[in-house]
Amino acid sequence: MFDLSLRARVNHLFKARSADRDAEADFSRTESVFLSIEKALKITEAEHSGLDTRMQDVLARGAISLGNATDEYLTREPADTIVQNQFDREIQIGQLRLEQLSLQINAFKFLRAALLSRFPDFFKTQIIGDQQRMPL
């Protein structure tokens, strides 16, 4: 009698979720991480692309203002030298930032690959009710 009473209590107090609900929760968590990585990657790639374009422009302007004579630095006006030095500093800062962004892009791609290797079922189609979900 005690056994029947205990069994009735346990069944009434605890019931596991359905497999579909578990799959939805798993998918939702993985999707959240995946979308965060994708968003960060796209933002970083956009920043890298924009900065790279601006750097190419600065390098072109710097080359034009530098001149092409071999001894032009000897006859250059002091104001032009100041501008050249400013170009040099900005170019160095920009190149450093491009390197940092490249490292971040590689890190985000690594995180995406690691996520996909740990959750290989993530890219499989998941059917939830009438709705079909795909992360990509």
N, C-alpha and C. Protein backbone atom coordinates (compact mmCIF):
# COMPACT_ATOMS: atom_id res chain seq x y z
N MET A 1 0.81 -1.18 0.00
CA MET A 1 0.00 0.00 0.00
C MET A 1 0.87 1.27 0.00
N PHE A 2 1.92 1.26 0.80
CA PHE A 2 2.85 2.38 0.84
C PHE A 2 3.48 2.57 -0.55
N ASP A 3 3.79 1.46 -1.20
CA ASP A 3 4.40 1.50 -2.53
C ASP A 3 3.46 2.16 -3.54
N LEU A 4 2.18 1.83 -3.52
CA LEU A 4 1.20 2.43 -4.43
C LEU A 4 1.04 3.92 -4.14
N SER A 5 1.02 4.26 -2.90
CA SER A 5 0.87 5.66 -2.51
C SER A 5 2.09 6.47 -2.96
N LEU A 6 3.28 5.94 -2.79
CA LEU A 6 4.51 6.61 -3.18
C LEU A 6 4.56 6.78 -4.71
N ARG A 7 4.21 5.74 -5.42
CA ARG A 7 4.21 5.77 -6.87
C ARG A 7 3.22 6.83 -7.39
N ALA A 8 2.07 6.91 -6.82
CA ALA A 8 1.06 7.89 -7.23
C ALA A 8 1.57 9.31 -6.98
N ARG A 9 2.24 9.50 -5.86
CA ARG A 9 2.78 10.83 -5.54
C ARG A 9 3.87 11.23 -6.53
N VAL A 10 4.78 10.30 -6.82
CA VAL A 10 5.89 10.60 -7.73
C VAL A 10 5.35 10.93 -9.11
N ASN A 11 4.41 10.16 -9.60
CA ASN A 11 3.85 10.42 -10.93
C ASN A 11 3.09 11.74 -10.97
N HIS A 12 2.50 12.11 -9.87
CA HIS A 12 1.76 13.36 -9.83
C HIS A 12 2.69 14.58 -9.71
N LEU A 13 3.82 14.43 -9.04
CA LEU A 13 4.72 15.55 -8.80
C LEU A 13 5.72 15.77 -9.93
N PHE A 14 6.04 14.75 -10.67
CA PHE A 14 7.09 14.88 -11.68
C PHE A 14 6.64 14.26 -13.00
N LYS A 15 6.82 15.05 -14.05
CA LYS A 15 6.56 14.53 -15.38
C LYS A 15 7.57 15.20 -16.32
N ALA A 16 8.30 14.41 -17.07
CA ALA A 16 9.31 14.93 -17.99
C ALA A 16 8.63 15.61 -19.17
N ARG A 17 9.33 16.59 -19.76
CA ARG A 17 8.81 17.27 -20.95
C ARG A 17 8.85 16.33 -22.14
N SER A 18 8.12 16.68 -23.16
CA SER A 18 8.13 15.87 -24.38
C SER A 18 9.45 16.07 -25.11
N ALA A 19 9.79 15.11 -25.95
CA ALA A 19 11.03 15.19 -26.73
C ALA A 19 11.01 16.38 -27.68
N ASP A 20 9.83 16.69 -28.23
CA ASP A 20 9.71 17.85 -29.12
C ASP A 20 10.00 19.15 -28.39
N ARG A 21 9.52 19.26 -27.18
CA ARG A 21 9.75 20.47 -26.39
C ARG A 21 11.23 20.59 -26.00
N ASP A 22 11.84 19.46 -25.67
CA ASP A 22 13.28 19.47 -25.38
C ASP A 22 14.08 19.89 -26.62
N ALA A 23 13.72 19.34 -27.77
CA ALA A 23 14.42 19.68 -29.01
C ALA A 23 14.27 21.17 -29.32
N GLU A 24 13.08 21.72 -29.11
CA GLU A 24 12.85 23.15 -29.34
C GLU A 24 13.71 24.00 -28.41
N ALA A 25 13.80 23.62 -27.15
CA ALA A 25 14.62 24.37 -26.19
C ALA A 25 16.10 24.30 -26.58
N ASP A 26 16.56 23.12 -26.98
CA ASP A 26 17.95 22.96 -27.40
C ASP A 26 18.24 23.80 -28.63
N PHE A 27 17.33 23.74 -29.60
CA PHE A 27 17.49 24.51 -30.83
C PHE A 27 17.53 26.01 -30.52
N SER A 28 16.65 26.46 -29.68
CA SER A 28 16.56 27.87 -29.33
C SER A 28 17.85 28.39 -28.70
N ARG A 29 18.40 27.61 -27.78
CA ARG A 29 19.66 28.02 -27.14
C ARG A 29 20.80 28.07 -28.14
N THR A 30 20.91 27.04 -28.96
CA THR A 30 21.98 26.99 -29.95
C THR A 30 21.81 28.10 -30.98
N GLU A 31 20.58 28.32 -31.40
CA GLU A 31 20.30 29.37 -32.38
C GLU A 31 20.70 30.74 -31.84
N SER A 32 20.44 30.99 -30.58
CA SER A 32 20.78 32.26 -29.96
C SER A 32 22.29 32.51 -30.01
N VAL A 33 23.06 31.50 -29.68
CA VAL A 33 24.53 31.64 -29.70
C VAL A 33 25.00 31.81 -31.14
N PHE A 34 24.46 31.00 -32.05
CA PHE A 34 24.85 31.07 -33.46
C PHE A 34 24.57 32.45 -34.04
N LEU A 35 23.38 32.97 -33.79
CA LEU A 35 23.02 34.29 -34.33
C LEU A 35 23.89 35.40 -33.74
N SER A 36 24.27 35.26 -32.48
CA SER A 36 25.16 36.26 -31.86
C SER A 36 26.53 36.25 -32.54
N ILE A 37 27.04 35.06 -32.78
CA ILE A 37 28.34 34.94 -33.45
C ILE A 37 28.25 35.52 -34.86
N GLU A 38 27.19 35.18 -35.59
CA GLU A 38 27.02 35.68 -36.95
C GLU A 38 26.92 37.20 -36.98
N LYS A 39 26.18 37.76 -36.03
CA LYS A 39 26.03 39.22 -35.98
C LYS A 39 27.38 39.89 -35.71
N ALA A 40 28.11 39.37 -34.74
CA ALA A 40 29.43 39.94 -34.41
C ALA A 40 30.37 39.81 -35.61
N LEU A 41 30.32 38.69 -36.29
CA LEU A 41 31.18 38.47 -37.45
C LEU A 41 30.85 39.46 -38.57
N LYS A 42 29.58 39.65 -38.86
CA LYS A 42 29.19 40.58 -39.93
C LYS A 42 29.57 42.02 -39.59
N ILE A 43 29.38 42.42 -38.34
CA ILE A 43 29.74 43.77 -37.93
C ILE A 43 31.24 43.98 -38.04
N THR A 44 32.01 43.00 -37.62
CA THR A 44 33.47 43.10 -37.66
C THR A 44 33.96 43.13 -39.10
N GLU A 45 33.38 42.29 -39.96
CA GLU A 45 33.77 42.29 -41.37
C GLU A 45 33.42 43.63 -42.04
N ALA A 46 32.28 44.19 -41.69
CA ALA A 46 31.90 45.49 -42.25
C ALA A 46 32.86 46.59 -41.80
N GLU A 47 33.23 46.56 -40.52
CA GLU A 47 34.19 47.56 -40.02
C GLU A 47 35.53 47.40 -40.73
N HIS A 48 35.97 46.16 -40.90
CA HIS A 48 37.24 45.88 -41.56
C HIS A 48 37.21 46.39 -43.00
N SER A 49 36.13 46.10 -43.70
CA SER A 49 36.00 46.52 -45.09
C SER A 49 36.00 48.05 -45.21
N GLY A 50 35.25 48.72 -44.36
CA GLY A 50 35.20 50.18 -44.40
C GLY A 50 36.54 50.81 -44.08
N LEU A 51 37.20 50.29 -43.06
CA LEU A 51 38.50 50.83 -42.68
C LEU A 51 39.54 50.56 -43.76
N ASP A 52 39.48 49.39 -44.37
CA ASP A 52 40.42 49.05 -45.43
C ASP A 52 40.25 50.01 -46.62
N THR A 53 39.01 50.34 -46.96
CA THR A 53 38.75 51.29 -48.05
C THR A 53 39.31 52.67 -47.70
N ARG A 54 39.07 53.10 -46.47
CA ARG A 54 39.60 54.41 -46.06
C ARG A 54 41.13 54.40 -46.02
N MET A 55 41.71 53.29 -45.63
CA MET A 55 43.18 53.19 -45.59
C MET A 55 43.76 53.29 -47.00
N GLN A 56 43.12 52.64 -47.95
CA GLN A 56 43.60 52.72 -49.33
C GLN A 56 43.55 54.16 -49.83
N ASP A 57 42.51 54.87 -49.45
CA ASP A 57 42.37 56.27 -49.84
C ASP A 57 43.48 57.12 -49.21
N VAL A 58 43.74 56.91 -47.94
CA VAL A 58 44.79 57.67 -47.25
C VAL A 58 46.15 57.36 -47.85
N LEU A 59 46.40 56.09 -48.15
CA LEU A 59 47.69 55.73 -48.75
C LEU A 59 47.86 56.39 -50.12
N ALA A 60 46.78 56.44 -50.89
CA ALA A 60 46.86 57.09 -52.20
C ALA A 60 47.11 58.59 -52.05
N ARG A 61 46.39 59.23 -51.12
CA ARG A 61 46.61 60.67 -50.90
C ARG A 61 48.02 60.93 -50.37
N GLY A 62 48.49 60.04 -49.51
CA GLY A 62 49.84 60.20 -48.97
C GLY A 62 50.90 60.08 -50.05
N ALA A 63 50.70 59.16 -50.96
CA ALA A 63 51.66 58.99 -52.05
C ALA A 63 51.68 60.20 -52.96
N ILE A 64 50.51 60.79 -53.21
CA ILE A 64 50.44 61.98 -54.06
C ILE A 64 51.12 63.16 -53.38
N SER A 65 50.85 63.35 -52.10
CA SER A 65 51.43 64.50 -51.41
C SER A 65 52.92 64.32 -51.15
N LEU A 66 53.38 63.10 -51.17
CA LEU A 66 54.80 62.83 -50.93
C LEU A 66 55.65 63.26 -52.11
N GLY A 67 55.11 63.11 -53.31
CA GLY A 67 55.87 63.47 -54.51
C GLY A 67 56.65 62.27 -55.02
N ASN A 68 57.32 62.44 -56.15
CA ASN A 68 58.05 61.32 -56.73
C ASN A 68 59.51 61.63 -57.01
N ALA A 69 59.98 62.78 -56.62
CA ALA A 69 61.39 63.10 -56.80
C ALA A 69 62.20 62.46 -55.67
N THR A 70 63.42 62.03 -56.00
CA THR A 70 64.23 61.33 -55.00
C THR A 70 64.71 62.25 -53.89
N ASP A 71 64.84 63.53 -54.15
CA ASP A 71 65.33 64.45 -53.11
C ASP A 71 64.25 65.44 -52.68
N GLU A 72 63.01 65.13 -52.93
CA GLU A 72 61.94 66.06 -52.62
C GLU A 72 61.84 66.35 -51.12
N TYR A 73 62.21 65.38 -50.29
CA TYR A 73 62.14 65.61 -48.85
C TYR A 73 63.09 66.72 -48.40
N LEU A 74 64.11 67.02 -49.19
CA LEU A 74 65.05 68.08 -48.84
C LEU A 74 64.46 69.48 -49.06
N THR A 75 63.59 69.59 -50.05
CA THR A 75 63.03 70.91 -50.38
C THR A 75 61.57 71.06 -49.93
N ARG A 76 61.06 70.10 -49.23
CA ARG A 76 59.66 70.13 -48.80
C ARG A 76 59.46 71.22 -47.75
N GLU A 77 58.33 71.87 -47.83
CA GLU A 77 57.95 72.90 -46.86
C GLU A 77 57.69 72.23 -45.50
N PRO A 78 57.96 72.91 -44.38
CA PRO A 78 57.70 72.33 -43.05
C PRO A 78 56.24 71.95 -42.85
N ALA A 79 55.32 72.72 -43.39
CA ALA A 79 53.89 72.38 -43.25
C ALA A 79 53.58 71.06 -43.94
N ASP A 80 54.21 70.81 -45.09
CA ASP A 80 54.01 69.54 -45.81
C ASP A 80 54.59 68.37 -45.01
N THR A 81 55.70 68.60 -44.34
CA THR A 81 56.30 67.55 -43.51
C THR A 81 55.38 67.19 -42.35
N ILE A 82 54.76 68.20 -41.77
CA ILE A 82 53.80 67.95 -40.68
C ILE A 82 52.64 67.10 -41.18
N VAL A 83 52.12 67.43 -42.34
CA VAL A 83 51.02 66.65 -42.92
C VAL A 83 51.46 65.21 -43.19
N GLN A 84 52.66 65.05 -43.74
CA GLN A 84 53.18 63.70 -44.00
C GLN A 84 53.31 62.90 -42.70
N ASN A 85 53.77 63.53 -41.64
CA ASN A 85 53.91 62.85 -40.35
C ASN A 85 52.54 62.45 -39.80
N GLN A 86 51.54 63.32 -39.99
CA GLN A 86 50.19 62.98 -39.56
C GLN A 86 49.65 61.80 -40.35
N PHE A 87 49.88 61.79 -41.65
CA PHE A 87 49.48 60.65 -42.47
C PHE A 87 50.13 59.37 -41.95
N ASP A 88 51.43 59.45 -41.66
CA ASP A 88 52.15 58.26 -41.17
C ASP A 88 51.54 57.72 -39.88
N ARG A 89 51.24 58.63 -38.94
CA ARG A 89 50.65 58.19 -37.66
C ARG A 89 49.28 57.55 -37.87
N GLU A 90 48.46 58.19 -38.68
CA GLU A 90 47.11 57.67 -38.93
C GLU A 90 47.18 56.32 -39.66
N ILE A 91 48.11 56.19 -40.57
CA ILE A 91 48.28 54.92 -41.29
C ILE A 91 48.69 53.82 -40.32
N GLN A 92 49.60 54.12 -39.42
CA GLN A 92 50.03 53.12 -38.44
C GLN A 92 48.86 52.68 -37.55
N ILE A 93 48.07 53.65 -37.09
CA ILE A 93 46.91 53.34 -36.24
C ILE A 93 45.91 52.50 -37.03
N GLY A 94 45.65 52.89 -38.27
CA GLY A 94 44.71 52.15 -39.11
C GLY A 94 45.17 50.73 -39.39
N GLN A 95 46.47 50.57 -39.66
CA GLN A 95 46.99 49.22 -39.93
C GLN A 95 46.91 48.34 -38.69
N LEU A 96 47.16 48.92 -37.54
CA LEU A 96 47.03 48.17 -36.29
C LEU A 96 45.59 47.72 -36.08
N ARG A 97 44.66 48.63 -36.34
CA ARG A 97 43.24 48.28 -36.18
C ARG A 97 42.82 47.21 -37.18
N LEU A 98 43.31 47.28 -38.42
CA LEU A 98 43.01 46.25 -39.40
C LEU A 98 43.51 44.89 -38.94
N GLU A 99 44.68 44.85 -38.34
CA GLU A 99 45.22 43.59 -37.81
C GLU A 99 44.34 43.06 -36.68
N GLN A 100 43.92 43.96 -35.79
CA GLN A 100 43.04 43.55 -34.69
C GLN A 100 41.73 42.99 -35.22
N LEU A 101 41.15 43.66 -36.21
CA LEU A 101 39.89 43.20 -36.79
C LEU A 101 40.05 41.87 -37.49
N SER A 102 41.17 41.66 -38.16
CA SER A 102 41.43 40.38 -38.81
C SER A 102 41.49 39.25 -37.78
N LEU A 103 42.14 39.52 -36.65
CA LEU A 103 42.20 38.52 -35.58
C LEU A 103 40.81 38.22 -35.03
N GLN A 104 39.99 39.27 -34.87
CA GLN A 104 38.63 39.07 -34.37
C GLN A 104 37.80 38.26 -35.36
N ILE A 105 37.94 38.57 -36.64
CA ILE A 105 37.19 37.82 -37.66
C ILE A 105 37.56 36.35 -37.61
N ASN A 106 38.85 36.08 -37.52
CA ASN A 106 39.29 34.68 -37.42
C ASN A 106 38.76 34.01 -36.16
N ALA A 107 38.72 34.74 -35.07
CA ALA A 107 38.21 34.18 -33.80
C ALA A 107 36.72 33.89 -33.90
N PHE A 108 35.95 34.78 -34.51
CA PHE A 108 34.51 34.54 -34.67
C PHE A 108 34.24 33.36 -35.60
N LYS A 109 35.04 33.23 -36.65
CA LYS A 109 34.89 32.08 -37.55
C LYS A 109 35.23 30.78 -36.81
N PHE A 110 36.24 30.84 -35.96
CA PHE A 110 36.59 29.66 -35.16
C PHE A 110 35.45 29.30 -34.21
N LEU A 111 34.87 30.31 -33.55
CA LEU A 111 33.75 30.05 -32.65
C LEU A 111 32.57 29.43 -33.38
N ARG A 112 32.29 29.94 -34.58
CA ARG A 112 31.20 29.37 -35.38
C ARG A 112 31.48 27.92 -35.73
N ALA A 113 32.71 27.64 -36.16
CA ALA A 113 33.08 26.26 -36.51
C ALA A 113 33.01 25.35 -35.28
N ALA A 114 33.46 25.85 -34.14
CA ALA A 114 33.40 25.06 -32.91
C ALA A 114 31.96 24.77 -32.51
N LEU A 115 31.10 25.77 -32.63
CA LEU A 115 29.69 25.58 -32.30
C LEU A 115 29.07 24.53 -33.21
N LEU A 116 29.35 24.63 -34.49
CA LEU A 116 28.76 23.69 -35.44
C LEU A 116 29.32 22.28 -35.26
N SER A 117 30.57 22.17 -34.81
CA SER A 117 31.13 20.83 -34.59
C SER A 117 30.56 20.20 -33.32
N ARG A 118 30.20 21.02 -32.35
CA ARG A 118 29.62 20.51 -31.10
C ARG A 118 28.12 20.24 -31.21
N PHE A 119 27.47 20.92 -32.14
CA PHE A 119 26.03 20.76 -32.33
C PHE A 119 25.75 20.46 -33.80
N PRO A 120 26.15 19.28 -34.27
CA PRO A 120 26.02 18.98 -35.70
C PRO A 120 24.57 18.91 -36.17
N ASP A 121 23.63 18.61 -35.28
CA ASP A 121 22.23 18.54 -35.67
C ASP A 121 21.60 19.91 -35.85
N PHE A 122 22.32 20.95 -35.51
CA PHE A 122 21.77 22.30 -35.58
C PHE A 122 21.34 22.67 -36.99
N PHE A 123 22.07 22.20 -38.00
CA PHE A 123 21.75 22.58 -39.37
C PHE A 123 20.70 21.69 -40.00
N LYS A 124 20.29 20.66 -39.30
CA LYS A 124 19.23 19.82 -39.84
C LYS A 124 17.90 20.53 -39.66
N THR A 125 17.01 20.30 -40.57
CA THR A 125 15.68 20.92 -40.49
C THR A 125 14.96 20.43 -39.25
N GLN A 126 14.37 21.35 -38.52
CA GLN A 126 13.59 21.00 -37.35
C GLN A 126 12.15 21.41 -37.61
N ILE A 127 11.23 20.49 -37.43
CA ILE A 127 9.83 20.78 -37.65
C ILE A 127 9.15 20.90 -36.30
N ILE A 128 8.54 22.06 -36.08
CA ILE A 128 7.87 22.33 -34.82
C ILE A 128 6.44 22.72 -35.17
N GLY A 129 5.50 21.83 -34.92
CA GLY A 129 4.12 22.10 -35.29
C GLY A 129 4.04 22.25 -36.80
N ASP A 130 3.45 23.35 -37.26
CA ASP A 130 3.34 23.62 -38.69
C ASP A 130 4.50 24.44 -39.20
N GLN A 131 5.38 24.86 -38.30
CA GLN A 131 6.47 25.74 -38.67
C GLN A 131 7.74 24.93 -38.91
N GLN A 132 8.44 25.24 -40.00
CA GLN A 132 9.70 24.59 -40.30
C GLN A 132 10.81 25.60 -40.06
N ARG A 133 11.83 25.24 -39.27
CA ARG A 133 12.88 26.19 -38.92
C ARG A 133 14.22 25.70 -39.43
N MET A 134 14.97 26.63 -39.94
CA MET A 134 16.33 26.38 -40.36
C MET A 134 17.16 27.55 -39.89
N PRO A 135 18.34 27.33 -39.32
CA PRO A 135 19.15 28.44 -38.85
C PRO A 135 19.77 29.27 -39.97
N LEU A 136 19.94 28.70 -41.12
CA LEU A 136 20.56 29.47 -42.22
C LEU A 136 19.57 29.75 -43.32
